Protein backbone atom coordinates (compact mmCIF):
# COMPACT_ATOMS: atom_id res chain seq x y z
CA UNK A 1 3.66 -5.89 16.02
CA UNK A 2 2.80 -2.52 14.47
CA UNK A 3 6.26 -1.09 15.11
CA UNK A 4 7.63 -3.71 12.69
CA UNK A 5 4.75 -4.07 10.22
CA UNK A 6 4.08 -0.38 9.54
CA UNK A 7 7.69 0.46 8.55
CA UNK A 8 7.71 -2.61 6.29
CA UNK A 9 4.49 -1.47 4.58
CA UNK A 10 5.91 2.03 4.11
CA UNK A 11 9.08 0.58 2.57
CA UNK A 12 7.01 -1.55 0.18
CA UNK A 13 4.93 1.49 -0.77
CA UNK A 14 8.00 3.61 -1.40
CA UNK A 15 9.46 0.82 -3.56
CA UNK A 16 6.25 0.75 -5.60
CA UNK A 17 5.35 -2.75 -4.45
CA UNK A 18 2.29 -1.89 -2.32
CA UNK A 19 -0.37 0.00 -4.33
CA UNK A 20 -2.03 1.67 -1.34
CA UNK A 21 -3.50 4.40 -3.54
CA UNK A 22 -5.38 1.81 -5.59
CA UNK A 23 -7.07 0.35 -2.49
CA UNK A 24 -8.92 3.59 -1.72
CA UNK A 25 -11.71 5.03 -3.85
CA UNK A 26 -13.43 8.38 -3.31
CA UNK A 27 -17.18 8.81 -3.72
CA UNK A 28 -19.38 11.88 -3.68
CA UNK A 29 -21.94 11.88 -0.88
CA UNK A 30 -24.68 11.34 -3.45
CA UNK A 31 -23.02 8.03 -4.39
CA UNK A 32 -22.96 6.64 -0.86
CA UNK A 33 -25.04 3.60 -1.82
CA UNK A 34 -22.56 2.76 -4.58
CA UNK A 35 -19.72 3.09 -2.06
CA UNK A 36 -21.36 0.53 0.22
CA UNK A 37 -22.06 -1.79 -2.69
CA UNK A 38 -18.49 -1.56 -4.00
CA UNK A 39 -17.17 -2.29 -0.52
CA UNK A 40 -19.40 -5.34 -0.13
CA UNK A 41 -18.47 -6.68 -3.57
CA UNK A 42 -14.74 -6.16 -3.07
CA UNK A 43 -14.45 -3.50 -5.79
CA UNK A 44 -12.69 -1.24 -3.32
CA UNK A 45 -11.10 -1.95 0.02
CA UNK A 46 -11.70 1.47 1.57
CA UNK A 47 -14.46 3.67 0.21
CA UNK A 48 -14.13 7.33 1.22
CA UNK A 49 -17.28 9.45 1.01
CA UNK A 50 -16.72 13.18 0.60
CA UNK A 51 -19.17 15.97 1.30
């Protein structure tokens, strides 16, 4: 139930108990292969490739 879960996640984030920022890692487009590798190996949960 997203209408329950999402507000709970936001509350945890605001309380500093859900490190959402640490789950995302930005990569330059030239490092796209590293982004895929880090995602496969669990180094980052959400790789974001920027142009």
